[in-house]
């Protein structure tokens, strides 16, 4: 690691950024200089603009992903080159509404049923039943499972915010069997050398279970979190409650699931059909 990169990492950590964000921001800066093979401090505005256009046109990245690269570069120059004007004029791109992919309850049940390894089954069940982010599931500890209050404590989630979310009784039963059999020490899901299970491994667990269950969708861990929120909304749980369970700062983020839920839409009758129903009942006479 170069001294410049090391210093940038240290500055990000001092600012309180999560390790995931640190890795993402560093990766974005590295990607920007890779084709030029120069220090990021030597990049010009034109070179950065060409790089962003490359991400859009050649890499076919979404506007939301390119915006993340822009944020990372702005952060780099703010911290490492105060007073630099290289990012002046760069603003976030407009993004459309991207509705998250949601699994049905039947599909999730199939994923759980096909998973024979109890550790993997516990991972899938906890991701869905508590609405956890991938990083939260990876780093959760045994002490965070409160069977008396039937909740899961999430410490320092996104935005460095602690919160409580739901503990499913079905999930608790599987977790008890899992802990009794494998006896994890500190982290609930251990990887190598007593460290927590890696995020990439959790992603593979979810993807493999979906494929084994015959689900044709491209399933990732966050899809289980999306499904958790959507299914709660369809069950009549209020938006503010779902917001707290998910750990969203703004309720606007939670409102995205209004676009996903089909319950409200299913209950709406087309005005043309309403008219037909009235005619059938003889309320309207010619």
Foldseek 3Di string as FASTA:
>chain_A
DDPLLVVLLVVCVVVPDDPVLNVLLSVLLCQLCVVVVDHSVPDALVSSVVSLVCCCPVVVDALVSSQSSLVSSVSSCVPPPNPDCRSPPDDRDDHDQDQDDADDPVLLVLLLVLDPDLLLSLLSCCLQQLLDDLVQSQAAWPVQQDPVVQWGWGALDVVRDIAITGHDPVSVVSLVVVCVVPVQDTHSAADPPSHTDDSVVNQVSQQVSSVSSVNPDRDGSNNSSLNNLLVCVLVPDDLVVSCRSNVPPDSVVSCSSVVVHCNVVVPDDDPVVVVVVCVVVVVDDD
